[in-house]
């Protein structure tokens, strides 16, 4: 079991190896990440043209408030928490990971106020 923690930490750090090109702003979200967010948001909000407008606005607001690295870290934590329990899933319920998710939730709340 102790071998899982270093592997989990390595998995979390892998995105840092794919850093944005020099000169790119830290909040530059890849198009695929923006599209994934918009598609998921549209699914939850009815899939209409109006939902597209609201969801596109929302990811723009989130990107303006939260660097992509923080967004990606929070997304990773949320995905790992969906595991069916066990030691690995428990490692993503710490004060640090809770703070990471909280920052994303705050950005999402601001996006909802501005865009919906």
N, C-alpha and C. Protein backbone atom coordinates (compact mmCIF):
# COMPACT_ATOMS: atom_id res chain seq x y z
N UNK A 1 0.81 -1.20 0.00
CA UNK A 1 0.00 0.00 0.00
C UNK A 1 0.85 1.26 0.00
N UNK A 2 1.99 1.24 0.63
CA UNK A 2 2.82 2.43 0.69
C UNK A 2 3.35 2.81 -0.69
N UNK A 3 3.38 1.87 -1.61
CA UNK A 3 3.84 2.18 -2.95
C UNK A 3 2.80 2.98 -3.72
N UNK A 4 1.54 2.92 -3.33
CA UNK A 4 0.49 3.64 -4.03
C UNK A 4 0.61 5.14 -3.85
N UNK A 5 0.99 5.60 -2.68
CA UNK A 5 1.08 7.04 -2.44
C UNK A 5 2.10 7.70 -3.36
N UNK A 6 3.33 7.19 -3.48
CA UNK A 6 4.25 7.82 -4.43
C UNK A 6 3.73 7.78 -5.86
N UNK A 7 3.06 6.70 -6.25
CA UNK A 7 2.50 6.63 -7.60
C UNK A 7 1.39 7.66 -7.78
N UNK A 8 0.56 7.83 -6.76
CA UNK A 8 -0.51 8.81 -6.83
C UNK A 8 0.06 10.22 -6.92
N UNK A 9 1.09 10.50 -6.15
CA UNK A 9 1.71 11.82 -6.21
C UNK A 9 2.37 12.06 -7.56
N UNK A 10 3.01 11.05 -8.10
CA UNK A 10 3.61 11.17 -9.42
C UNK A 10 2.53 11.45 -10.46
N UNK A 11 1.41 10.76 -10.35
CA UNK A 11 0.31 10.96 -11.27
C UNK A 11 -0.20 12.39 -11.22
N UNK A 12 -0.23 12.97 -10.02
CA UNK A 12 -0.66 14.35 -9.87
C UNK A 12 0.33 15.33 -10.47
N UNK A 13 1.61 14.99 -10.43
CA UNK A 13 2.64 15.90 -10.91
C UNK A 13 2.87 15.80 -12.41
N UNK A 14 2.38 14.75 -13.06
CA UNK A 14 2.60 14.58 -14.49
C UNK A 14 2.13 15.78 -15.31
N UNK A 15 0.98 16.38 -15.00
CA UNK A 15 0.57 17.53 -15.81
C UNK A 15 1.59 18.67 -15.79
N UNK A 16 2.35 18.79 -14.73
CA UNK A 16 3.35 19.85 -14.66
C UNK A 16 4.45 19.64 -15.69
N UNK A 17 4.65 18.40 -16.10
CA UNK A 17 5.65 18.13 -17.12
C UNK A 17 5.21 18.63 -18.50
N UNK A 18 3.92 18.83 -18.66
CA UNK A 18 3.37 19.34 -19.91
C UNK A 18 3.00 20.80 -19.73
N UNK A 19 3.90 21.59 -19.20
CA UNK A 19 3.63 22.99 -18.92
C UNK A 19 3.37 23.75 -20.21
N UNK A 20 2.72 24.89 -20.04
CA UNK A 20 2.43 25.75 -21.19
C UNK A 20 3.72 26.26 -21.79
N UNK A 21 3.72 26.56 -23.08
CA UNK A 21 4.91 27.09 -23.73
C UNK A 21 5.36 28.40 -23.09
N UNK A 22 6.65 28.70 -23.25
CA UNK A 22 7.18 29.93 -22.70
C UNK A 22 6.41 31.11 -23.24
N UNK A 23 6.10 32.05 -22.37
CA UNK A 23 5.38 33.24 -22.77
C UNK A 23 3.87 33.10 -22.65
N UNK A 24 3.37 31.90 -22.47
CA UNK A 24 1.93 31.72 -22.32
C UNK A 24 1.52 32.07 -20.89
N UNK A 25 0.37 32.69 -20.75
CA UNK A 25 -0.11 33.05 -19.42
C UNK A 25 -0.49 31.78 -18.66
N UNK A 26 -0.35 31.83 -17.34
CA UNK A 26 -0.63 30.64 -16.55
C UNK A 26 -2.11 30.28 -16.58
N UNK A 27 -2.98 31.22 -16.94
CA UNK A 27 -4.40 30.91 -16.99
C UNK A 27 -4.86 30.49 -18.38
N UNK A 28 -3.93 30.32 -19.31
CA UNK A 28 -4.30 29.85 -20.65
C UNK A 28 -4.74 28.39 -20.57
N UNK A 29 -6.01 28.19 -20.73
CA UNK A 29 -6.55 26.83 -20.70
C UNK A 29 -6.47 26.25 -22.10
N UNK A 30 -6.07 24.99 -22.23
CA UNK A 30 -6.07 24.36 -23.55
C UNK A 30 -7.50 24.31 -24.09
N UNK A 31 -7.62 24.40 -25.39
CA UNK A 31 -8.93 24.37 -26.03
C UNK A 31 -9.71 23.12 -25.63
N UNK A 32 -9.04 21.99 -25.56
CA UNK A 32 -9.72 20.73 -25.21
C UNK A 32 -10.29 20.81 -23.80
N UNK A 33 -9.58 21.43 -22.87
CA UNK A 33 -10.09 21.56 -21.49
C UNK A 33 -11.32 22.46 -21.46
N UNK A 34 -11.26 23.56 -22.21
CA UNK A 34 -12.42 24.45 -22.29
C UNK A 34 -13.61 23.72 -22.92
N UNK A 35 -13.36 22.98 -23.99
CA UNK A 35 -14.43 22.26 -24.67
C UNK A 35 -15.04 21.18 -23.76
N UNK A 36 -14.19 20.45 -23.04
CA UNK A 36 -14.70 19.43 -22.10
C UNK A 36 -15.63 20.07 -21.07
N UNK A 37 -15.22 21.21 -20.54
CA UNK A 37 -16.05 21.90 -19.54
C UNK A 37 -17.38 22.31 -20.17
N UNK A 38 -17.32 22.92 -21.34
CA UNK A 38 -18.54 23.40 -21.99
C UNK A 38 -19.47 22.24 -22.32
N UNK A 39 -18.95 21.14 -22.85
CA UNK A 39 -19.80 19.98 -23.16
C UNK A 39 -20.48 19.42 -21.91
N UNK A 40 -19.72 19.28 -20.84
CA UNK A 40 -20.30 18.76 -19.60
C UNK A 40 -21.34 19.73 -19.05
N UNK A 41 -21.02 21.00 -19.06
CA UNK A 41 -21.94 22.02 -18.57
C UNK A 41 -23.23 22.04 -19.40
N UNK A 42 -23.08 21.95 -20.72
CA UNK A 42 -24.26 21.94 -21.58
C UNK A 42 -25.14 20.73 -21.34
N UNK A 43 -24.53 19.60 -21.08
CA UNK A 43 -25.30 18.38 -20.79
C UNK A 43 -26.18 18.58 -19.57
N UNK A 44 -25.62 19.20 -18.55
CA UNK A 44 -26.35 19.44 -17.30
C UNK A 44 -27.42 20.51 -17.49
N UNK A 45 -27.20 21.42 -18.42
CA UNK A 45 -28.09 22.57 -18.58
C UNK A 45 -28.98 22.51 -19.81
N UNK A 46 -29.22 21.33 -20.34
CA UNK A 46 -30.22 21.17 -21.39
C UNK A 46 -29.71 21.12 -22.81
N UNK A 47 -28.44 21.41 -23.03
CA UNK A 47 -27.86 21.26 -24.37
C UNK A 47 -28.34 22.26 -25.41
N UNK A 48 -28.92 23.36 -24.99
CA UNK A 48 -29.44 24.35 -25.94
C UNK A 48 -28.38 25.37 -26.33
N UNK A 49 -28.73 26.21 -27.30
CA UNK A 49 -27.85 27.31 -27.70
C UNK A 49 -27.63 28.26 -26.51
N UNK A 50 -28.67 28.46 -25.75
CA UNK A 50 -28.55 29.31 -24.56
C UNK A 50 -27.57 28.70 -23.56
N UNK A 51 -27.63 27.40 -23.38
CA UNK A 51 -26.68 26.72 -22.48
C UNK A 51 -25.25 26.88 -22.99
N UNK A 52 -25.07 26.80 -24.31
CA UNK A 52 -23.74 27.00 -24.89
C UNK A 52 -23.20 28.37 -24.52
N UNK A 53 -24.03 29.39 -24.63
CA UNK A 53 -23.59 30.75 -24.30
C UNK A 53 -23.24 30.87 -22.82
N UNK A 54 -24.09 30.34 -21.96
CA UNK A 54 -23.84 30.41 -20.52
C UNK A 54 -22.59 29.63 -20.12
N UNK A 55 -22.46 28.44 -20.67
CA UNK A 55 -21.33 27.57 -20.30
C UNK A 55 -20.01 28.10 -20.84
N UNK A 56 -20.03 28.66 -22.03
CA UNK A 56 -18.81 29.28 -22.58
C UNK A 56 -18.39 30.46 -21.72
N UNK A 57 -19.35 31.25 -21.30
CA UNK A 57 -19.07 32.37 -20.41
C UNK A 57 -18.47 31.85 -19.10
N UNK A 58 -19.05 30.78 -18.57
CA UNK A 58 -18.61 30.24 -17.28
C UNK A 58 -17.14 29.81 -17.31
N UNK A 59 -16.72 29.09 -18.35
CA UNK A 59 -15.33 28.65 -18.38
C UNK A 59 -14.40 29.84 -18.59
N UNK A 60 -14.86 30.86 -19.28
CA UNK A 60 -14.04 32.07 -19.43
C UNK A 60 -13.84 32.76 -18.08
N UNK A 61 -14.90 32.82 -17.28
CA UNK A 61 -14.80 33.43 -15.95
C UNK A 61 -13.88 32.60 -15.07
N UNK A 62 -14.06 31.29 -15.08
CA UNK A 62 -13.20 30.42 -14.27
C UNK A 62 -11.75 30.59 -14.68
N UNK A 63 -11.49 30.64 -15.97
CA UNK A 63 -10.11 30.80 -16.46
C UNK A 63 -9.52 32.14 -16.04
N UNK A 64 -10.37 33.16 -15.90
CA UNK A 64 -9.87 34.47 -15.49
C UNK A 64 -9.55 34.51 -13.99
N UNK A 65 -10.14 33.60 -13.24
CA UNK A 65 -9.97 33.59 -11.78
C UNK A 65 -9.00 32.54 -11.28
N UNK A 66 -8.78 31.50 -12.05
CA UNK A 66 -8.03 30.35 -11.57
C UNK A 66 -7.04 29.90 -12.64
N UNK A 67 -5.75 29.86 -12.31
CA UNK A 67 -4.78 29.37 -13.30
C UNK A 67 -5.11 27.93 -13.71
N UNK A 68 -4.74 27.58 -14.92
CA UNK A 68 -5.07 26.24 -15.41
C UNK A 68 -4.50 25.15 -14.52
N UNK A 69 -3.30 25.36 -13.98
CA UNK A 69 -2.70 24.34 -13.12
C UNK A 69 -3.57 24.07 -11.89
N UNK A 70 -4.19 25.11 -11.33
CA UNK A 70 -5.08 24.93 -10.18
C UNK A 70 -6.38 24.25 -10.60
N UNK A 71 -6.90 24.62 -11.77
CA UNK A 71 -8.11 23.98 -12.29
C UNK A 71 -7.87 22.49 -12.51
N UNK A 72 -6.74 22.18 -13.12
CA UNK A 72 -6.39 20.79 -13.41
C UNK A 72 -6.19 19.99 -12.12
N UNK A 73 -5.57 20.59 -11.13
CA UNK A 73 -5.37 19.90 -9.85
C UNK A 73 -6.71 19.60 -9.18
N UNK A 74 -7.61 20.58 -9.18
CA UNK A 74 -8.93 20.36 -8.57
C UNK A 74 -9.72 19.31 -9.33
N UNK A 75 -9.64 19.33 -10.64
CA UNK A 75 -10.33 18.33 -11.46
C UNK A 75 -9.79 16.93 -11.14
N UNK A 76 -8.49 16.83 -10.98
CA UNK A 76 -7.87 15.54 -10.65
C UNK A 76 -8.36 15.05 -9.29
N UNK A 77 -8.38 15.94 -8.31
CA UNK A 77 -8.84 15.56 -6.97
C UNK A 77 -10.28 15.07 -7.04
N UNK A 78 -11.13 15.80 -7.72
CA UNK A 78 -12.54 15.39 -7.82
C UNK A 78 -12.70 14.04 -8.51
N UNK A 79 -11.91 13.80 -9.54
CA UNK A 79 -11.98 12.50 -10.22
C UNK A 79 -11.48 11.37 -9.32
N UNK A 80 -10.42 11.62 -8.59
CA UNK A 80 -9.87 10.59 -7.71
C UNK A 80 -10.82 10.29 -6.55
N UNK A 81 -11.55 11.29 -6.11
CA UNK A 81 -12.52 11.07 -5.03
C UNK A 81 -13.67 10.19 -5.46
N UNK A 82 -13.87 10.04 -6.75
CA UNK A 82 -14.95 9.19 -7.24
C UNK A 82 -14.59 7.70 -7.19
N UNK A 83 -13.36 7.41 -6.86
CA UNK A 83 -12.97 6.01 -6.73
C UNK A 83 -13.82 5.36 -5.65
N UNK A 84 -13.93 4.07 -5.71
CA UNK A 84 -14.83 3.37 -4.80
C UNK A 84 -14.21 3.14 -3.42
N UNK A 85 -13.59 4.14 -2.88
CA UNK A 85 -13.03 4.03 -1.53
C UNK A 85 -11.62 3.49 -1.55
N UNK A 86 -11.18 3.05 -0.40
CA UNK A 86 -9.84 2.50 -0.30
C UNK A 86 -8.81 3.56 0.05
N UNK A 87 -7.59 3.10 0.20
CA UNK A 87 -6.49 3.95 0.63
C UNK A 87 -6.22 5.09 -0.34
N UNK A 88 -6.18 4.79 -1.63
CA UNK A 88 -5.86 5.81 -2.62
C UNK A 88 -6.90 6.92 -2.62
N UNK A 89 -8.17 6.57 -2.57
CA UNK A 89 -9.23 7.59 -2.55
C UNK A 89 -9.13 8.45 -1.30
N UNK A 90 -8.74 7.85 -0.18
CA UNK A 90 -8.63 8.60 1.08
C UNK A 90 -7.53 9.65 1.01
N UNK A 91 -6.49 9.42 0.22
CA UNK A 91 -5.40 10.39 0.13
C UNK A 91 -5.84 11.69 -0.53
N UNK A 92 -7.01 11.70 -1.14
CA UNK A 92 -7.51 12.90 -1.78
C UNK A 92 -8.57 13.61 -0.94
N UNK A 93 -8.60 13.29 0.34
CA UNK A 93 -9.48 13.97 1.30
C UNK A 93 -8.62 14.57 2.41
N UNK A 94 -7.78 15.53 2.04
CA UNK A 94 -6.91 16.19 3.01
C UNK A 94 -7.24 17.68 3.02
N UNK A 95 -6.66 18.39 3.96
CA UNK A 95 -6.88 19.83 4.03
C UNK A 95 -6.43 20.51 2.72
N UNK A 96 -5.29 20.08 2.22
CA UNK A 96 -4.75 20.66 0.99
C UNK A 96 -5.67 20.41 -0.21
N UNK A 97 -6.10 19.17 -0.36
CA UNK A 97 -6.98 18.87 -1.50
C UNK A 97 -8.34 19.53 -1.33
N UNK A 98 -8.82 19.65 -0.09
CA UNK A 98 -10.07 20.36 0.15
C UNK A 98 -9.94 21.82 -0.26
N UNK A 99 -8.80 22.45 0.05
CA UNK A 99 -8.56 23.84 -0.35
C UNK A 99 -8.51 23.97 -1.87
N UNK A 100 -7.89 23.01 -2.52
CA UNK A 100 -7.80 23.01 -3.98
C UNK A 100 -9.19 22.99 -4.60
N UNK A 101 -10.04 22.10 -4.10
CA UNK A 101 -11.40 21.98 -4.61
C UNK A 101 -12.22 23.23 -4.26
N UNK A 102 -12.01 23.77 -3.07
CA UNK A 102 -12.75 24.96 -2.65
C UNK A 102 -12.47 26.13 -3.59
N UNK A 103 -11.22 26.30 -4.01
CA UNK A 103 -10.89 27.40 -4.93
C UNK A 103 -11.64 27.23 -6.26
N UNK A 104 -11.73 26.01 -6.76
CA UNK A 104 -12.49 25.77 -7.98
C UNK A 104 -13.98 26.05 -7.75
N UNK A 105 -14.51 25.61 -6.63
CA UNK A 105 -15.92 25.84 -6.34
C UNK A 105 -16.24 27.33 -6.24
N UNK A 106 -15.31 28.11 -5.67
CA UNK A 106 -15.51 29.55 -5.59
C UNK A 106 -15.51 30.18 -6.98
N UNK A 107 -14.60 29.74 -7.84
CA UNK A 107 -14.56 30.25 -9.21
C UNK A 107 -15.84 29.87 -9.96
N UNK A 108 -16.33 28.66 -9.73
CA UNK A 108 -17.56 28.22 -10.38
C UNK A 108 -18.76 29.02 -9.87
N UNK A 109 -18.77 29.33 -8.59
CA UNK A 109 -19.87 30.14 -8.03
C UNK A 109 -19.87 31.54 -8.65
N UNK A 110 -18.69 32.13 -8.79
CA UNK A 110 -18.59 33.44 -9.43
C UNK A 110 -19.04 33.36 -10.89
N UNK A 111 -18.67 32.30 -11.58
CA UNK A 111 -19.09 32.11 -12.97
C UNK A 111 -20.60 31.99 -13.07
N UNK A 112 -21.20 31.31 -12.12
CA UNK A 112 -22.66 31.16 -12.13
C UNK A 112 -23.34 32.52 -11.94
N UNK A 113 -22.81 33.32 -11.04
CA UNK A 113 -23.37 34.65 -10.80
C UNK A 113 -23.26 35.52 -12.06
N UNK A 114 -22.12 35.47 -12.72
CA UNK A 114 -21.89 36.32 -13.88
C UNK A 114 -22.56 35.84 -15.15
N UNK A 115 -22.74 34.52 -15.28
CA UNK A 115 -23.12 33.97 -16.58
C UNK A 115 -24.52 33.36 -16.65
N UNK A 116 -25.12 33.04 -15.53
CA UNK A 116 -26.41 32.32 -15.60
C UNK A 116 -27.55 33.16 -15.09
